[in-house]
Each structure stands twice: as C-alpha cells, then as structure tokens.
C-alpha cells in the first residue's frame, strides 16, 4: 500500500517525489519491487525500482527526483507493485503542487 506521498515542484514540469509504502515483505520471493507515478489515463511518467526487500523497515520511504510530467497534467496516481501479487494495493491520487 502507498500510504503517503510528498511532491515538490522543481520547475515548470519537473518534480521530486517522496513515497512511503507499507507491505509485509517476507524476503526475496515476496517484496515491493517498484512504484509508479502515472496519469489518470494510465500513462506511466516514471517508475522507482526497489532493488531489495524491506523486511525490517516498514513502512519505508524512497524518493525520486527529476520526474517530468506534462504541464497539462494536474493530478497523478502513485501505485506500488510487488513481486507476487503485482498491482492491487492502495494507491494515492495526488493533486500536483
């Protein structure tokens, strides 16, 4: 589940995101392996790859900077993906600053 998102506008259409995820990672066979920043139409603007499980660090926050989002886009959706169930946990819809 994505439980918190902070977005900071860096310039006209570039952003920095800090995303907090909670997931019951059990190890290398079942863990959150990425999160996406996407438009309401399903366009994925950027993906943050998570290279290892966070078994003993829950919830955890990771950031991604330099995310370019078209000026016309005012709202994004942040969703997490795990190695077993894929997508399906809680996503957050965020109005861009």
N, C-alpha and C. Protein backbone atom coordinates (compact mmCIF):
# COMPACT_ATOMS: atom_id res chain seq x y z
N UNK A 1 0.83 -1.19 0.00
CA UNK A 1 0.00 0.00 0.00
C UNK A 1 0.87 1.25 0.00
N UNK A 2 0.52 2.20 -0.83
CA UNK A 2 1.14 3.52 -0.76
C UNK A 2 0.38 4.26 0.33
N UNK A 3 1.09 4.72 1.36
CA UNK A 3 0.40 5.34 2.49
C UNK A 3 0.65 6.85 2.61
N UNK A 4 1.68 7.36 1.91
CA UNK A 4 1.94 8.80 1.96
C UNK A 4 2.77 9.18 0.74
N UNK A 5 2.46 10.36 0.19
CA UNK A 5 3.24 10.90 -0.93
C UNK A 5 3.45 12.39 -0.70
N UNK A 6 4.69 12.81 -0.84
CA UNK A 6 5.02 14.24 -0.84
C UNK A 6 5.60 14.56 -2.21
N UNK A 7 5.11 15.63 -2.82
CA UNK A 7 5.62 16.06 -4.12
C UNK A 7 6.07 17.51 -4.01
N UNK A 8 7.21 17.79 -4.62
CA UNK A 8 7.75 19.14 -4.62
C UNK A 8 8.03 19.52 -6.07
N UNK A 9 7.54 20.67 -6.48
CA UNK A 9 7.76 21.16 -7.84
C UNK A 9 9.16 21.76 -7.92
N UNK A 10 9.96 21.27 -8.87
CA UNK A 10 11.32 21.77 -9.03
C UNK A 10 11.40 22.88 -10.07
N UNK A 11 10.59 22.77 -11.10
CA UNK A 11 10.45 23.84 -12.10
C UNK A 11 9.13 23.64 -12.83
N UNK A 12 8.98 24.21 -13.99
CA UNK A 12 7.70 24.22 -14.71
C UNK A 12 7.00 22.87 -14.78
N UNK A 13 7.72 21.80 -15.10
CA UNK A 13 7.07 20.49 -15.22
C UNK A 13 7.93 19.35 -14.67
N UNK A 14 8.82 19.66 -13.73
CA UNK A 14 9.69 18.65 -13.12
C UNK A 14 9.45 18.62 -11.61
N UNK A 15 9.38 17.40 -11.07
CA UNK A 15 9.00 17.21 -9.67
C UNK A 15 9.95 16.26 -8.95
N UNK A 16 9.93 16.38 -7.62
CA UNK A 16 10.60 15.44 -6.72
C UNK A 16 9.50 14.78 -5.89
N UNK A 17 9.50 13.44 -5.83
CA UNK A 17 8.50 12.69 -5.08
C UNK A 17 9.17 11.90 -3.96
N UNK A 18 8.56 11.91 -2.79
CA UNK A 18 8.92 11.01 -1.69
C UNK A 18 7.68 10.16 -1.42
N UNK A 19 7.84 8.84 -1.52
CA UNK A 19 6.71 7.92 -1.44
C UNK A 19 6.95 6.94 -0.29
N UNK A 20 5.95 6.83 0.59
CA UNK A 20 6.02 5.89 1.70
C UNK A 20 5.11 4.71 1.40
N UNK A 21 5.68 3.52 1.54
CA UNK A 21 4.99 2.27 1.22
C UNK A 21 4.99 1.37 2.44
N UNK A 22 3.87 0.70 2.66
CA UNK A 22 3.79 -0.35 3.68
C UNK A 22 3.43 -1.65 2.98
N UNK A 23 4.23 -2.68 3.22
CA UNK A 23 3.98 -4.00 2.63
C UNK A 23 4.65 -5.05 3.52
N UNK A 24 4.02 -6.17 3.68
CA UNK A 24 4.59 -7.24 4.50
C UNK A 24 5.61 -8.04 3.69
N UNK A 25 6.74 -7.39 3.38
CA UNK A 25 7.82 -8.08 2.68
C UNK A 25 8.26 -9.28 3.50
N UNK A 26 8.45 -10.42 2.84
CA UNK A 26 8.92 -11.62 3.55
C UNK A 26 10.33 -12.01 3.15
N UNK A 27 10.87 -11.38 2.13
CA UNK A 27 12.21 -11.70 1.63
C UNK A 27 12.23 -11.57 0.12
N UNK A 28 13.24 -12.16 -0.49
CA UNK A 28 13.45 -12.01 -1.93
C UNK A 28 12.33 -12.58 -2.78
N UNK A 29 11.55 -13.51 -2.27
CA UNK A 29 10.47 -14.11 -3.06
C UNK A 29 9.18 -13.28 -3.04
N UNK A 30 9.05 -12.37 -2.08
CA UNK A 30 7.82 -11.57 -1.98
C UNK A 30 8.14 -10.22 -1.33
N UNK A 31 8.25 -9.21 -2.18
CA UNK A 31 8.53 -7.86 -1.69
C UNK A 31 8.06 -6.82 -2.70
N UNK A 32 7.92 -5.58 -2.24
CA UNK A 32 7.58 -4.48 -3.14
C UNK A 32 8.82 -4.19 -3.97
N UNK A 33 8.69 -4.31 -5.29
CA UNK A 33 9.86 -4.13 -6.14
C UNK A 33 9.84 -2.85 -6.98
N UNK A 34 8.75 -2.08 -6.90
CA UNK A 34 8.73 -0.80 -7.60
C UNK A 34 7.48 -0.02 -7.23
N UNK A 35 7.51 1.28 -7.53
CA UNK A 35 6.31 2.09 -7.52
C UNK A 35 6.32 3.02 -8.73
N UNK A 36 5.11 3.35 -9.18
CA UNK A 36 4.93 4.15 -10.39
C UNK A 36 4.25 5.47 -10.08
N UNK A 37 4.60 6.47 -10.88
CA UNK A 37 3.89 7.74 -10.91
C UNK A 37 3.21 7.80 -12.27
N UNK A 38 1.89 7.89 -12.26
CA UNK A 38 1.15 7.79 -13.52
C UNK A 38 0.02 8.81 -13.60
N UNK A 39 -0.42 9.05 -14.81
CA UNK A 39 -1.56 9.92 -15.04
C UNK A 39 -2.86 9.16 -14.88
N UNK A 40 -3.96 9.90 -14.80
CA UNK A 40 -5.28 9.26 -14.68
C UNK A 40 -5.61 8.40 -15.88
N UNK A 41 -4.99 8.69 -17.02
CA UNK A 41 -5.25 7.92 -18.24
C UNK A 41 -4.39 6.65 -18.33
N UNK A 42 -3.57 6.40 -17.29
CA UNK A 42 -2.74 5.20 -17.27
C UNK A 42 -1.32 5.39 -17.77
N UNK A 43 -1.00 6.58 -18.27
CA UNK A 43 0.36 6.86 -18.73
C UNK A 43 1.31 6.85 -17.54
N UNK A 44 2.34 6.02 -17.60
CA UNK A 44 3.34 5.97 -16.52
C UNK A 44 4.43 7.00 -16.85
N UNK A 45 4.59 7.98 -15.96
CA UNK A 45 5.59 9.02 -16.17
C UNK A 45 6.96 8.59 -15.68
N UNK A 46 6.99 7.83 -14.59
CA UNK A 46 8.27 7.38 -14.04
C UNK A 46 8.03 6.20 -13.11
N UNK A 47 9.04 5.34 -13.01
CA UNK A 47 8.99 4.19 -12.11
C UNK A 47 10.23 4.20 -11.23
N UNK A 48 10.02 4.00 -9.94
CA UNK A 48 11.14 3.88 -8.99
C UNK A 48 11.31 2.40 -8.70
N UNK A 49 12.43 1.83 -9.15
CA UNK A 49 12.74 0.42 -8.90
C UNK A 49 13.28 0.28 -7.48
N UNK A 50 12.79 -0.72 -6.77
CA UNK A 50 13.27 -1.04 -5.42
C UNK A 50 14.05 -2.35 -5.54
N UNK A 51 15.34 -2.29 -5.28
CA UNK A 51 16.25 -3.39 -5.61
C UNK A 51 16.34 -4.50 -4.57
N UNK A 52 15.68 -4.33 -3.43
CA UNK A 52 15.78 -5.36 -2.39
C UNK A 52 14.57 -5.29 -1.47
N UNK A 53 14.30 -6.38 -0.73
CA UNK A 53 13.19 -6.37 0.23
C UNK A 53 13.47 -5.44 1.41
N UNK A 54 12.40 -5.01 2.06
CA UNK A 54 12.48 -4.16 3.25
C UNK A 54 11.76 -4.87 4.41
N UNK A 55 12.23 -6.05 4.74
CA UNK A 55 11.58 -6.90 5.74
C UNK A 55 11.55 -6.21 7.10
N UNK A 56 12.64 -5.58 7.50
CA UNK A 56 12.74 -4.98 8.83
C UNK A 56 12.61 -3.46 8.81
N UNK A 57 12.14 -2.92 7.72
CA UNK A 57 11.97 -1.47 7.59
C UNK A 57 10.58 -1.20 7.00
N UNK A 58 9.59 -1.16 7.86
CA UNK A 58 8.20 -0.96 7.43
C UNK A 58 7.52 0.07 8.33
N UNK A 59 6.83 1.03 7.78
CA UNK A 59 6.84 1.38 6.36
C UNK A 59 8.19 1.98 5.99
N UNK A 60 8.43 2.16 4.70
CA UNK A 60 9.68 2.76 4.25
C UNK A 60 9.38 3.82 3.20
N UNK A 61 10.29 4.80 3.12
CA UNK A 61 10.13 5.91 2.19
C UNK A 61 11.33 5.95 1.25
N UNK A 62 11.03 6.11 -0.03
CA UNK A 62 12.08 6.28 -1.04
C UNK A 62 11.67 7.45 -1.94
N UNK A 63 12.67 8.11 -2.49
CA UNK A 63 12.42 9.30 -3.29
C UNK A 63 12.84 9.10 -4.74
N UNK A 64 12.31 9.98 -5.57
CA UNK A 64 12.66 10.01 -6.98
C UNK A 64 12.59 11.46 -7.43
N UNK A 65 13.67 11.95 -8.01
CA UNK A 65 13.73 13.35 -8.41
C UNK A 65 13.86 13.45 -9.93
N UNK A 66 13.53 14.61 -10.45
CA UNK A 66 13.64 14.84 -11.88
C UNK A 66 12.53 14.21 -12.70
N UNK A 67 11.38 14.00 -12.07
CA UNK A 67 10.24 13.38 -12.76
C UNK A 67 9.56 14.44 -13.62
N UNK A 68 9.58 14.23 -14.92
CA UNK A 68 8.97 15.17 -15.87
C UNK A 68 7.52 14.77 -16.12
N UNK A 69 6.63 15.71 -15.86
CA UNK A 69 5.19 15.49 -16.05
C UNK A 69 4.67 16.62 -16.93
N UNK A 70 3.92 16.29 -17.97
CA UNK A 70 3.41 17.34 -18.85
C UNK A 70 2.64 18.42 -18.07
N UNK A 71 2.80 19.67 -18.50
CA UNK A 71 2.18 20.81 -17.82
C UNK A 71 0.67 20.65 -17.73
N UNK A 72 0.04 20.03 -18.71
CA UNK A 72 -1.42 19.87 -18.73
C UNK A 72 -1.92 18.92 -17.64
N UNK A 73 -1.03 18.08 -17.09
CA UNK A 73 -1.42 17.10 -16.07
C UNK A 73 -1.42 17.78 -14.70
N UNK A 74 -2.55 17.71 -14.01
CA UNK A 74 -2.69 18.34 -12.70
C UNK A 74 -2.79 17.33 -11.56
N UNK A 75 -3.09 16.06 -11.91
CA UNK A 75 -3.29 15.01 -10.91
C UNK A 75 -2.51 13.77 -11.33
N UNK A 76 -1.84 13.13 -10.36
CA UNK A 76 -1.14 11.88 -10.64
C UNK A 76 -1.60 10.81 -9.65
N UNK A 77 -1.34 9.57 -10.02
CA UNK A 77 -1.64 8.42 -9.16
C UNK A 77 -0.31 7.73 -8.88
N UNK A 78 -0.08 7.39 -7.62
CA UNK A 78 1.12 6.66 -7.24
C UNK A 78 0.67 5.30 -6.76
N UNK A 79 1.21 4.25 -7.39
CA UNK A 79 0.83 2.88 -7.05
C UNK A 79 2.08 2.04 -6.86
N UNK A 80 1.98 1.04 -5.99
CA UNK A 80 3.11 0.14 -5.72
C UNK A 80 2.85 -1.21 -6.39
N UNK A 81 3.92 -1.95 -6.58
CA UNK A 81 3.88 -3.26 -7.26
C UNK A 81 4.72 -4.23 -6.44
N UNK A 82 4.19 -5.43 -6.18
CA UNK A 82 5.02 -6.42 -5.50
C UNK A 82 5.30 -7.61 -6.41
N UNK A 83 6.27 -8.40 -6.01
CA UNK A 83 6.79 -9.47 -6.86
C UNK A 83 5.85 -10.67 -6.98
N UNK A 84 4.81 -10.75 -6.16
CA UNK A 84 3.87 -11.87 -6.21
C UNK A 84 2.51 -11.43 -6.73
N UNK A 85 1.92 -10.43 -6.09
CA UNK A 85 0.55 -10.01 -6.41
C UNK A 85 0.47 -8.93 -7.47
N UNK A 86 1.61 -8.42 -7.89
CA UNK A 86 1.70 -7.34 -8.88
C UNK A 86 1.05 -6.07 -8.33
N UNK A 87 0.14 -5.43 -9.07
CA UNK A 87 -0.55 -4.24 -8.59
C UNK A 87 -1.81 -4.66 -7.84
N UNK A 88 -2.32 -3.79 -6.99
CA UNK A 88 -3.57 -4.13 -6.33
C UNK A 88 -3.71 -3.57 -4.94
N UNK A 89 -2.62 -3.10 -4.35
CA UNK A 89 -2.72 -2.48 -3.04
C UNK A 89 -3.27 -1.06 -3.16
N UNK A 90 -3.26 -0.33 -2.06
CA UNK A 90 -3.78 1.03 -2.03
C UNK A 90 -2.87 1.97 -2.83
N UNK A 91 -3.48 2.74 -3.70
CA UNK A 91 -2.78 3.79 -4.45
C UNK A 91 -3.22 5.14 -3.89
N UNK A 92 -2.44 6.16 -4.17
CA UNK A 92 -2.80 7.51 -3.75
C UNK A 92 -2.92 8.40 -4.98
N UNK A 93 -4.01 9.16 -5.03
CA UNK A 93 -4.21 10.16 -6.07
C UNK A 93 -3.81 11.51 -5.47
N UNK A 94 -2.96 12.23 -6.19
CA UNK A 94 -2.37 13.46 -5.65
C UNK A 94 -2.52 14.61 -6.64
N UNK A 95 -3.02 15.75 -6.13
CA UNK A 95 -3.03 16.98 -6.92
C UNK A 95 -1.61 17.54 -6.87
N UNK A 96 -1.04 17.83 -8.02
CA UNK A 96 0.33 18.35 -8.07
C UNK A 96 0.39 19.77 -7.51
N UNK A 97 1.51 20.09 -6.84
CA UNK A 97 1.66 21.45 -6.30
C UNK A 97 1.87 22.47 -7.40
